[in-house]
PDB file of N, CA and C in Angstrom:
ATOM      1  N   MET A   1     113.426 102.478 118.988  1.00  0.00           N
ATOM      2  CA  MET A   1     113.014 103.343 117.901  1.00  0.00           C
ATOM      3  C   MET A   1     111.797 102.726 117.206  1.00  0.00           C
ATOM      4  N   GLU A   2     110.787 103.543 116.982  1.00  0.00           N
ATOM      5  CA  GLU A   2     109.562 103.057 116.365  1.00  0.00           C
ATOM      6  C   GLU A   2     109.771 102.806 114.876  1.00  0.00           C
ATOM      7  N   SER A   3     109.000 101.855 114.356  1.00  0.00           N
ATOM      8  CA  SER A   3     109.089 101.576 112.929  1.00  0.00           C
ATOM      9  C   SER A   3     108.536 102.759 112.138  1.00  0.00           C
ATOM     10  N   VAL A   4     108.899 102.815 110.886  1.00  0.00           N
ATOM     11  CA  VAL A   4     108.434 103.892 110.013  1.00  0.00           C
ATOM     12  C   VAL A   4     106.913 103.860 109.918  1.00  0.00           C
ATOM     13  N   LYS A   5     106.334 102.667 109.827  1.00  0.00           N
ATOM     14  CA  LYS A   5     104.876 102.553 109.723  1.00  0.00           C
ATOM     15  C   LYS A   5     104.191 103.149 110.942  1.00  0.00           C
ATOM     16  N   VAL A   6     104.726 102.885 112.113  1.00  0.00           N
ATOM     17  CA  VAL A   6     104.147 103.419 113.348  1.00  0.00           C
ATOM     18  C   VAL A   6     104.260 104.943 113.361  1.00  0.00           C
ATOM     19  N   GLN A   7     105.419 105.448 112.963  1.00  0.00           N
ATOM     20  CA  GLN A   7     105.616 106.901 112.929  1.00  0.00           C
ATOM     21  C   GLN A   7     104.660 107.560 111.935  1.00  0.00           C
ATOM     22  N   ILE A   8     104.508 106.963 110.771  1.00  0.00           N
ATOM     23  CA  ILE A   8     103.581 107.506 109.776  1.00  0.00           C
ATOM     24  C   ILE A   8     102.166 107.496 110.326  1.00  0.00           C
ATOM     25  N   ASN A   9     101.773 106.404 110.939  1.00  0.00           N
ATOM     26  CA  ASN A   9     100.439 106.297 111.538  1.00  0.00           C
ATOM     27  C   ASN A   9     100.192 107.397 112.555  1.00  0.00           C
ATOM     28  N   GLU A  10     101.169 107.652 113.409  1.00  0.00           N
ATOM     29  CA  GLU A  10     101.015 108.672 114.444  1.00  0.00           C
ATOM     30  C   GLU A  10     100.804 110.056 113.835  1.00  0.00           C
ATOM     31  N   VAL A  11     101.532 110.337 112.769  1.00  0.00           N
ATOM     32  CA  VAL A  11     101.392 111.638 112.114  1.00  0.00           C
ATOM     33  C   VAL A  11     100.046 111.730 111.400  1.00  0.00           C
ATOM     34  N   VAL A  12      99.696 110.695 110.666  1.00  0.00           N
ATOM     35  CA  VAL A  12      98.463 110.709 109.873  1.00  0.00           C
ATOM     36  C   VAL A  12      97.229 110.795 110.764  1.00  0.00           C
ATOM     37  N   GLU A  13      97.260 110.146 111.910  1.00  0.00           N
ATOM     38  CA  GLU A  13      96.114 110.179 112.826  1.00  0.00           C
ATOM     39  C   GLU A  13      95.779 111.595 113.285  1.00  0.00           C
ATOM     40  N   LYS A  14      96.759 112.480 113.286  1.00  0.00           N
ATOM     41  CA  LYS A  14      96.558 113.860 113.744  1.00  0.00           C
ATOM     42  C   LYS A  14      96.013 114.767 112.640  1.00  0.00           C
ATOM     43  N   LEU A  15      95.979 114.282 111.407  1.00  0.00           N
ATOM     44  CA  LEU A  15      95.543 115.083 110.272  1.00  0.00           C
ATOM     45  C   LEU A  15      94.028 115.039 110.118  1.00  0.00           C
ATOM     46  N   SER A  16      93.504 116.056 109.456  1.00  0.00           N
ATOM     47  CA  SER A  16      92.073 116.069 109.145  1.00  0.00           C
ATOM     48  C   SER A  16      91.775 114.987 108.105  1.00  0.00           C
ATOM     49  N   GLU A  17      90.505 114.697 107.914  1.00  0.00           N
ATOM     50  CA  GLU A  17      90.095 113.689 106.928  1.00  0.00           C
ATOM     51  C   GLU A  17      90.583 114.085 105.525  1.00  0.00           C
ATOM     52  N   ASP A  18      90.464 115.360 105.178  1.00  0.00           N
ATOM     53  CA  ASP A  18      90.926 115.830 103.865  1.00  0.00           C
ATOM     54  C   ASP A  18      92.438 115.662 103.722  1.00  0.00           C
ATOM     55  N   GLN A  19      93.183 115.983 104.773  1.00  0.00           N
ATOM     56  CA  GLN A  19      94.635 115.824 104.728  1.00  0.00           C
ATOM     57  C   GLN A  19      95.021 114.352 104.637  1.00  0.00           C
ATOM     58  N   GLN A  20      94.286 113.499 105.339  1.00  0.00           N
ATOM     59  CA  GLN A  20      94.554 112.067 105.266  1.00  0.00           C
ATOM     60  C   GLN A  20      94.315 111.559 103.841  1.00  0.00           C
ATOM     61  N   GLN A  21      93.298 112.091 103.173  1.00  0.00           N
ATOM     62  CA  GLN A  21      93.013 111.691 101.792  1.00  0.00           C
ATOM     63  C   GLN A  21      94.162 112.095 100.875  1.00  0.00           C
ATOM     64  N   LEU A  22      94.738 113.282 101.116  1.00  0.00           N
ATOM     65  CA  LEU A  22      95.889 113.722 100.322  1.00  0.00           C
ATOM     66  C   LEU A  22      97.089 112.804 100.535  1.00  0.00           C
ATOM     67  N   VAL A  23      97.321 112.413 101.789  1.00  0.00           N
ATOM     68  CA  VAL A  23      98.428 111.501 102.093  1.00  0.00           C
ATOM     69  C   VAL A  23      98.201 110.163 101.393  1.00  0.00           C
ATOM     70  N   LEU A  24      96.972 109.676 101.441  1.00  0.00           N
ATOM     71  CA  LEU A  24      96.642 108.405 100.776  1.00  0.00           C
ATOM     72  C   LEU A  24      96.877 108.511  99.272  1.00  0.00           C
ATOM     73  N   SER A  25      96.416 109.587  98.663  1.00  0.00           N
ATOM     74  CA  SER A  25      96.595 109.773  97.218  1.00  0.00           C
ATOM     75  C   SER A  25      98.073 109.827  96.858  1.00  0.00           C
ATOM     76  N   PHE A  26      98.849 110.550  97.669  1.00  0.00           N
ATOM     77  CA  PHE A  26     100.286 110.643  97.422  1.00  0.00           C
ATOM     78  C   PHE A  26     100.943 109.268  97.550  1.00  0.00           C
ATOM     79  N   ALA A  27     100.592 108.538  98.600  1.00  0.00           N
ATOM     80  CA  ALA A  27     101.184 107.213  98.814  1.00  0.00           C
ATOM     81  C   ALA A  27     100.826 106.263  97.673  1.00  0.00           C
ATOM     82  N   GLN A  28      99.585 106.341  97.198  1.00  0.00           N
ATOM     83  CA  GLN A  28      99.180 105.489  96.084  1.00  0.00           C
ATOM     84  C   GLN A  28      99.937 105.847  94.816  1.00  0.00           C
ATOM     85  N   ALA A  29     100.103 107.138  94.562  1.00  0.00           N
ATOM     86  CA  ALA A  29     100.847 107.572  93.376  1.00  0.00           C
ATOM     87  C   ALA A  29     102.309 107.170  93.485  1.00  0.00           C
ATOM     88  N   LEU A  30     102.879 107.332  94.665  1.00  0.00           N
ATOM     89  CA  LEU A  30     104.265 106.951  94.883  1.00  0.00           C
ATOM     90  C   LEU A  30     104.435 105.447  94.706  1.00  0.00           C
ATOM     91  N   GLY A  31     103.463 104.677  95.177  1.00  0.00           N
ATOM     92  CA  GLY A  31     103.513 103.228  95.029  1.00  0.00           C
ATOM     93  C   GLY A  31     103.412 102.771  93.590  1.00  0.00           C
ATOM     94  N   ALA A  32     102.845 103.601  92.736  1.00  0.00           N
ATOM     95  CA  ALA A  32     102.693 103.255  91.326  1.00  0.00           C
ATOM     96  C   ALA A  32     103.992 103.440  90.545  1.00  0.00           C
ATOM     97  N   VAL A  33     104.949 104.155  91.133  1.00  0.00           N
ATOM     98  CA  VAL A  33     106.239 104.357  90.465  1.00  0.00           C
ATOM     99  C   VAL A  33     106.964 103.019  90.437  1.00  0.00           C
ATOM    100  N   ASP A  34     107.404 102.610  89.268  1.00  0.00           N
ATOM    101  CA  ASP A  34     108.008 101.289  89.080  1.00  0.00           C
ATOM    102  C   ASP A  34     109.495 101.300  89.430  1.00  0.00           C
ATOM    103  N   VAL A  35     109.758 101.428  90.734  1.00  0.00           N
ATOM    104  CA  VAL A  35     111.144 101.435  91.217  1.00  0.00           C
ATOM    105  C   VAL A  35     111.169 100.637  92.516  1.00  0.00           C
ATOM    106  N   SER A  36     112.202  99.849  92.703  1.00  0.00           N
ATOM    107  CA  SER A  36     112.332  99.069  93.930  1.00  0.00           C
ATOM    108  C   SER A  36     112.454 100.000  95.129  1.00  0.00           C
ATOM    109  N   VAL A  37     111.634  99.783  96.146  1.00  0.00           N
ATOM    110  CA  VAL A  37     111.672 100.613  97.340  1.00  0.00           C
ATOM    111  C   VAL A  37     113.028 100.497  98.034  1.00  0.00           C
ATOM    112  N   SER A  38     113.627  99.332  97.974  1.00  0.00           N
ATOM    113  CA  SER A  38     114.910  99.153  98.644  1.00  0.00           C
ATOM    114  C   SER A  38     116.008 100.004  97.999  1.00  0.00           C
ATOM    115  N   GLN A  39     115.811 100.385  96.741  1.00  0.00           N
ATOM    116  CA  GLN A  39     116.799 101.207  96.057  1.00  0.00           C
ATOM    117  C   GLN A  39     116.490 102.689  96.224  1.00  0.00           C
ATOM    118  N   GLY A  40     115.315 103.011  96.720  1.00  0.00           N
ATOM    119  CA  GLY A  40     114.911 104.406  96.817  1.00  0.00           C
ATOM    120  C   GLY A  40     114.376 104.891  95.487  1.00  0.00           C
ATOM    121  N   VAL A  41     113.959 106.104  95.466  1.00  0.00           N
ATOM    122  CA  VAL A  41     113.410 106.683  94.245  1.00  0.00           C
ATOM    123  C   VAL A  41     114.233 107.915  93.898  1.00  0.00           C
ATOM    124  N   GLN A  42     114.835 107.894  92.747  1.00  0.00           N
ATOM    125  CA  GLN A  42     115.652 109.023  92.315  1.00  0.00           C
ATOM    126  C   GLN A  42     114.750 110.195  91.940  1.00  0.00           C
ATOM    127  N   GLY A  43     115.249 111.391  92.157  1.00  0.00           N
ATOM    128  CA  GLY A  43     114.487 112.586  91.853  1.00  0.00           C
ATOM    129  C   GLY A  43     114.007 112.629  90.418  1.00  0.00           C
ATOM    130  N   GLU A  44     114.826 112.156  89.490  1.00  0.00           N
ATOM    131  CA  GLU A  44     114.440 112.173  88.080  1.00  0.00           C
ATOM    132  C   GLU A  44     113.214 111.304  87.827  1.00  0.00           C
ATOM    133  N   VAL A  45     113.122 110.191  88.546  1.00  0.00           N
ATOM    134  CA  VAL A  45     111.978 109.297  88.391  1.00  0.00           C
ATOM    135  C   VAL A  45     110.721 109.975  88.906  1.00  0.00           C
ATOM    136  N   LEU A  46     110.825 110.614  90.069  1.00  0.00           N
ATOM    137  CA  LEU A  46     109.665 111.321  90.608  1.00  0.00           C
ATOM    138  C   LEU A  46     109.235 112.443  89.679  1.00  0.00           C
ATOM    139  N   LEU A  47     110.199 113.199  89.155  1.00  0.00           N
ATOM    140  CA  LEU A  47     109.869 114.296  88.241  1.00  0.00           C
ATOM    141  C   LEU A  47     109.182 113.783  86.983  1.00  0.00           C
ATOM    142  N   ALA A  48     109.566 112.625  86.515  1.00  0.00           N
ATOM    143  CA  ALA A  48     108.942 112.051  85.327  1.00  0.00           C
ATOM    144  C   ALA A  48     107.484 111.692  85.572  1.00  0.00           C
ATOM    145  N   HIS A  49     107.117 111.512  86.841  1.00  0.00           N
ATOM    146  CA  HIS A  49     105.748 111.137  87.199  1.00  0.00           C
ATOM    147  C   HIS A  49     104.992 112.275  87.884  1.00  0.00           C
ATOM    148  N   MET A  50     105.452 113.497  87.719  1.00  0.00           N
ATOM    149  CA  MET A  50     104.826 114.635  88.411  1.00  0.00           C
ATOM    150  C   MET A  50     103.340 114.772  88.087  1.00  0.00           C
ATOM    151  N   ASP A  51     102.944 114.393  86.881  1.00  0.00           N
ATOM    152  CA  ASP A  51     101.527 114.500  86.519  1.00  0.00           C
ATOM    153  C   ASP A  51     100.662 113.531  87.321  1.00  0.00           C
ATOM    154  N   ASP A  52     101.274 112.517  87.922  1.00  0.00           N
ATOM    155  CA  ASP A  52     100.536 111.553  88.734  1.00  0.00           C
ATOM    156  C   ASP A  52     100.247 112.078  90.136  1.00  0.00           C
ATOM    157  N   PHE A  53     100.964 113.127  90.539  1.00  0.00           N
ATOM    158  CA  PHE A  53     100.798 113.701  91.868  1.00  0.00           C
ATOM    159  C   PHE A  53      99.942 114.953  91.761  1.00  0.00           C
ATOM    160  N   HIS A  54      99.082 115.128  92.735  1.00  0.00           N
ATOM    161  CA  HIS A  54      98.180 116.278  92.724  1.00  0.00           C
ATOM    162  C   HIS A  54      98.382 117.079  94.005  1.00  0.00           C
ATOM    163  N   PHE A  55      98.858 118.302  93.858  1.00  0.00           N
ATOM    164  CA  PHE A  55      99.122 119.170  94.991  1.00  0.00           C
ATOM    165  C   PHE A  55      98.247 120.411  94.885  1.00  0.00           C
ATOM    166  N   ALA A  56      97.808 120.892  96.031  1.00  0.00           N
ATOM    167  CA  ALA A  56      97.054 122.141  96.070  1.00  0.00           C
ATOM    168  C   ALA A  56      97.993 123.285  95.703  1.00  0.00           C
ATOM    169  N   PRO A  57      97.436 124.371  95.166  1.00  0.00           N
ATOM    170  CA  PRO A  57      98.279 125.517  94.822  1.00  0.00           C
ATOM    171  C   PRO A  57      99.119 125.971  96.024  1.00  0.00           C
ATOM    172  N   GLY A  58     100.391 126.162  95.784  1.00  0.00           N
ATOM    173  CA  GLY A  58     101.287 126.643  96.825  1.00  0.00           C
ATOM    174  C   GLY A  58     101.958 125.552  97.640  1.00  0.00           C
ATOM    175  N   GLU A  59     101.477 124.302  97.587  1.00  0.00           N
ATOM    176  CA  GLU A  59     102.071 123.239  98.398  1.00  0.00           C
ATOM    177  C   GLU A  59     103.509 122.934  98.002  1.00  0.00           C
ATOM    178  N   LEU A  60     103.794 122.928  96.701  1.00  0.00           N
ATOM    179  CA  LEU A  60     105.160 122.643  96.260  1.00  0.00           C
ATOM    180  C   LEU A  60     106.110 123.750  96.688  1.00  0.00           C
ATOM    181  N   ASP A  61     105.648 124.992  96.611  1.00  0.00           N
ATOM    182  CA  ASP A  61     106.477 126.105  97.077  1.00  0.00           C
ATOM    183  C   ASP A  61     106.756 125.977  98.571  1.00  0.00           C
ATOM    184  N   GLU A  62     105.733 125.596  99.331  1.00  0.00           N
ATOM    185  CA  GLU A  62     105.890 125.432 100.781  1.00  0.00           C
ATOM    186  C   GLU A  62     106.864 124.299 101.089  1.00  0.00           C
ATOM    187  N   MET A  63     106.755 123.172 100.367  1.00  0.00           N
ATOM    188  CA  MET A  63     107.674 122.059 100.576  1.00  0.00           C
ATOM    189  C   MET A  63     109.104 122.482 100.271  1.00  0.00           C
ATOM    190  N   SER A  64     109.290 123.202  99.175  1.00  0.00           N
ATOM    191  CA  SER A  64     110.627 123.666  98.805  1.00  0.00           C
ATOM    192  C   SER A  64     111.196 124.581  99.872  1.00  0.00           C
ATOM    193  N   ARG A  65     110.358 125.481 100.398  1.00  0.00           N
ATOM    194  CA  ARG A  65     110.807 126.410 101.427  1.00  0.00           C
ATOM    195  C   ARG A  65     111.255 125.650 102.673  1.00  0.00           C
ATOM    196  N   VAL A  66     110.462 124.683 103.100  1.00  0.00           N
ATOM    197  CA  VAL A  66     110.795 123.919 104.303  1.00  0.00           C
ATOM    198  C   VAL A  66     112.063 123.098 104.088  1.00  0.00           C
ATOM    199  N   ILE A  67     112.207 122.502 102.924  1.00  0.00           N
ATOM    200  CA  ILE A  67     113.409 121.723 102.632  1.00  0.00           C
ATOM    201  C   ILE A  67     114.642 122.619 102.697  1.00  0.00           C
ATOM    202  N   GLU A  68     114.555 123.794 102.082  1.00  0.00           N
ATOM    203  CA  GLU A  68     115.688 124.718 102.104  1.00  0.00           C
ATOM    204  C   GLU A  68     116.018 125.177 103.522  1.00  0.00           C
ATOM    205  N   GLU A  69     114.978 125.455 104.311  1.00  0.00           N
ATOM    206  CA  GLU A  69     115.199 125.965 105.666  1.00  0.00           C
ATOM    207  C   GLU A  69     115.675 124.890 106.635  1.00  0.00           C
ATOM    208  N   GLU A  70     115.137 123.681 106.521  1.00  0.00           N
ATOM    209  CA  GLU A  70     115.375 122.659 107.536  1.00  0.00           C
ATOM    210  C   GLU A  70     116.330 121.545 107.126  1.00  0.00           C
ATOM    211  N   CYS A  71     116.442 121.262 105.839  1.00  0.00           N
ATOM    212  CA  CYS A  71     117.197 120.084 105.419  1.00  0.00           C
ATOM    213  C   CYS A  71     118.547 120.388 104.795  1.00  0.00           C
ATOM    214  N   GLU A  72     118.742 121.590 104.351  1.00  0.00           N
ATOM    215  CA  GLU A  72     119.970 121.888 103.635  1.00  0.00           C
ATOM    216  C   GLU A  72     120.939 122.719 104.467  1.00  0.00           C
ATOM    217  N   LYS A  73     120.855 122.555 105.778  1.00  0.00           N
ATOM    218  CA  LYS A  73     121.760 123.283 106.657  1.00  0.00           C
ATOM    219  C   LYS A  73     123.050 122.493 106.833  1.00  0.00           C
ATOM    220  N   ILE A  74     124.146 123.203 106.842  1.00  0.00           N
ATOM    221  CA  ILE A  74     125.440 122.567 107.075  1.00  0.00           C
ATOM    222  C   ILE A  74     126.021 123.152 108.350  1.00  0.00           C
ATOM    223  N   ASP A  75     126.333 122.273 109.279  1.00  0.00           N
ATOM    224  CA  ASP A  75     126.951 122.690 110.530  1.00  0.00           C
ATOM    225  C   ASP A  75     128.404 122.235 110.492  1.00  0.00           C
ATOM    226  N   ALA A  76     129.293 123.152 110.143  1.00  0.00           N
ATOM    227  CA  ALA A  76     130.711 122.816 109.999  1.00  0.00           C
ATOM    228  C   ALA A  76     131.323 122.321 111.310  1.00  0.00           C
ATOM    229  N   ASP A  77     130.747 122.678 112.436  1.00  0.00           N
ATOM    230  CA  ASP A  77     131.285 122.267 113.737  1.00  0.00           C
ATOM    231  C   ASP A  77     130.628 121.012 114.285  1.00  0.00           C
ATOM    232  N   GLU A  78     129.759 120.409 113.533  1.00  0.00           N
ATOM    233  CA  GLU A  78     128.979 119.265 114.030  1.00  0.00           C
ATOM    234  C   GLU A  78     129.856 118.101 114.497  1.00  0.00           C
ATOM    235  N   TRP A  79     130.971 117.865 113.844  1.00  0.00           N
ATOM    236  CA  TRP A  79     131.794 116.704 114.158  1.00  0.00           C
ATOM    237  C   TRP A  79     132.930 117.027 115.112  1.00  0.00           C
ATOM    238  N   GLN A  80     132.944 118.218 115.654  1.00  0.00           N
ATOM    239  CA  GLN A  80     134.030 118.577 116.559  1.00  0.00           C
ATOM    240  C   GLN A  80     133.645 118.328 117.990  1.00  0.00           C
TER     241      GLN A  80
END
């Protein structure tokens, strides 16, 4: 299994220069949050720093849509 850094690199390399700049800005803003990475970042902490993040119009709606469609699925038969 590839390291997270390698996986991130592979994804970022496929992005346009403008998209790479957005990823860099997001990573820098996320890095500025004063929380131990090993503990993760609680949603409340991220929300408190929302002004530090800059998203194009509609990006947050798109992220929410994808999260709802892809991440919040429950497969009741998964463990059978």
